Amino acid sequence: MLEIQTKHVDPDIVVLEIAGRITLGRECKQLEWAVESLVGEGRKKVIFDLAGVTFVDSTGIGIIVMSAGKMKKAAGELRLAGATAHVEEVLKMTNVDQIVGLHPTAAAAAAGF
C-alpha cells in the first residue's frame, strides 16, 4: 500500500512523505494526482521524501520522471530525498538522478531550494 503525507516547510516548500511501494497499480495514481494538484495550486518547490519507500518499479520511475517534467513545465522543481539503498540503486541505474536531484534527507533537499 502506498501512503502519502503532505508537509509544508517554510517559506514555500511542499514535502510529500511517501511510504510503501511505488509500483504499477491504482495506488500509484495518488502520486500523480498529488503533483497535478500542487502544480494547479501554483506550488514551485516540491520534495519527494522517499525514506519510507521499500520498492520502486518501472511505473514508479516513470511517475517520478513525469512529475519532474510537470514541475519543470510549471517553472518549478522536484527534488528527491532519503532514498534507501535499493531505491537509490534503482534511481541511479535508470539515470533518474541525472534528471532529478537526489539528496540524503528532506532537510538537505530543502536547503538552498
Protein backbone atom coordinates (compact mmCIF):
# COMPACT_ATOMS: atom_id res chain seq x y z
CA MET A 1 0.00 0.00 0.00
CA LEU A 2 1.23 3.48 -0.88
CA GLU A 3 0.82 6.26 1.67
CA ILE A 4 1.46 9.94 1.01
CA GLN A 5 1.64 12.60 3.71
CA THR A 6 1.91 16.26 2.76
CA LYS A 7 4.08 18.56 4.87
CA HIS A 8 4.89 22.23 4.38
CA VAL A 9 8.33 23.69 5.02
CA ASP A 10 8.72 27.45 5.28
CA PRO A 11 8.62 29.51 3.27
CA ASP A 12 7.06 27.70 0.29
CA ILE A 13 8.31 24.12 0.01
CA VAL A 14 5.97 21.11 -0.07
CA VAL A 15 7.32 17.74 1.09
CA LEU A 16 5.44 14.62 0.06
CA GLU A 17 6.44 11.88 2.51
CA ILE A 18 5.92 8.65 0.61
CA ALA A 19 5.77 5.21 2.24
CA GLY A 20 5.28 1.80 0.67
CA ARG A 21 5.81 0.65 -2.88
CA ILE A 22 5.69 2.89 -5.96
CA THR A 23 4.60 0.26 -8.45
CA LEU A 24 2.10 -0.50 -11.17
CA GLY A 25 -1.43 -0.19 -9.88
CA ARG A 26 -4.18 2.15 -8.90
CA GLU A 27 -2.42 3.39 -5.76
CA CYS A 28 0.41 4.82 -7.83
CA LYS A 29 -2.04 7.28 -9.38
CA GLN A 30 -2.25 9.03 -5.99
CA LEU A 31 1.25 10.37 -6.51
CA GLU A 32 0.41 11.66 -10.00
CA TRP A 33 -2.73 13.35 -8.69
CA ALA A 34 -0.85 14.91 -5.79
CA VAL A 35 1.67 16.51 -8.17
CA GLU A 36 -1.07 17.71 -10.52
CA SER A 37 -2.85 19.27 -7.55
CA LEU A 38 0.32 21.03 -6.36
CA VAL A 39 1.01 22.38 -9.86
CA GLY A 40 -2.60 23.59 -10.01
CA GLU A 41 -2.08 25.41 -6.70
CA GLY A 42 0.98 27.15 -8.15
CA ARG A 43 3.50 25.31 -5.96
CA LYS A 44 7.03 25.54 -7.40
CA LYS A 45 9.17 23.65 -4.86
CA VAL A 46 8.33 20.01 -4.19
CA ILE A 47 10.32 17.28 -2.46
CA PHE A 48 9.50 13.58 -2.63
CA ASP A 49 10.75 12.14 0.67
CA LEU A 50 11.39 8.51 -0.28
CA ALA A 51 12.68 7.35 3.14
CA GLY A 52 9.63 5.12 3.60
CA VAL A 53 9.63 3.69 0.08
CA THR A 54 10.54 0.00 0.07
CA PHE A 55 10.33 -0.74 -3.66
CA VAL A 56 10.03 1.10 -6.97
CA ASP A 57 9.39 -0.44 -10.38
CA SER A 58 9.38 0.98 -13.91
CA THR A 59 5.96 2.53 -13.36
CA GLY A 60 7.27 4.31 -10.27
CA ILE A 61 10.31 5.54 -12.18
CA GLY A 62 8.02 6.83 -14.90
CA ILE A 63 5.85 8.70 -12.41
CA ILE A 64 8.89 10.32 -10.78
CA VAL A 65 10.27 11.44 -14.16
CA MET A 66 6.85 12.63 -15.34
CA SER A 67 6.35 14.54 -12.07
CA ALA A 68 9.72 16.24 -12.53
CA GLY A 69 8.68 17.19 -16.06
CA LYS A 70 5.36 18.64 -14.88
CA MET A 71 7.12 20.68 -12.22
CA LYS A 72 9.70 21.96 -14.70
CA LYS A 73 6.99 22.88 -17.22
CA ALA A 74 5.29 24.87 -14.44
CA ALA A 75 8.60 26.70 -13.76
CA GLY A 76 9.10 24.65 -10.61
CA GLU A 77 11.45 21.93 -9.42
CA LEU A 78 11.14 18.46 -7.94
CA ARG A 79 13.82 17.03 -5.65
CA LEU A 80 14.14 13.52 -4.22
CA ALA A 81 15.28 12.78 -0.67
CA GLY A 82 16.01 9.90 1.66
CA ALA A 83 16.06 7.04 -0.84
CA THR A 84 17.00 3.75 0.81
CA ALA A 85 19.77 1.57 -0.64
CA HIS A 86 17.57 -0.42 -3.06
CA VAL A 87 15.51 2.56 -4.20
CA GLU A 88 18.61 4.74 -4.63
CA GLU A 89 20.27 1.97 -6.67
CA VAL A 90 17.27 1.76 -9.00
CA LEU A 91 17.16 5.57 -9.38
CA LYS A 92 20.84 5.63 -10.32
CA MET A 93 20.65 2.58 -12.61
CA THR A 94 17.86 4.23 -14.57
CA ASN A 95 19.67 7.62 -14.60
CA VAL A 96 16.81 9.34 -12.80
CA ASP A 97 19.50 11.00 -10.67
CA GLN A 98 20.55 12.84 -13.85
CA ILE A 99 17.05 14.32 -14.17
CA VAL A 100 16.03 14.89 -10.55
CA GLY A 101 18.38 15.86 -7.74
CA LEU A 102 18.93 13.16 -5.10
CA HIS A 103 19.54 14.27 -1.52
CA PRO A 104 20.21 12.26 1.66
CA THR A 105 17.38 13.88 3.62
CA ALA A 106 14.40 16.16 3.06
CA ALA A 107 16.19 18.87 5.05
CA ALA A 108 19.19 18.62 2.73
CA ALA A 109 16.89 18.81 -0.31
CA ALA A 110 15.16 21.89 1.10
CA ALA A 111 18.45 23.67 1.79
CA GLY A 112 19.24 26.12 -1.00
CA PHE A 113 15.96 25.46 -2.81
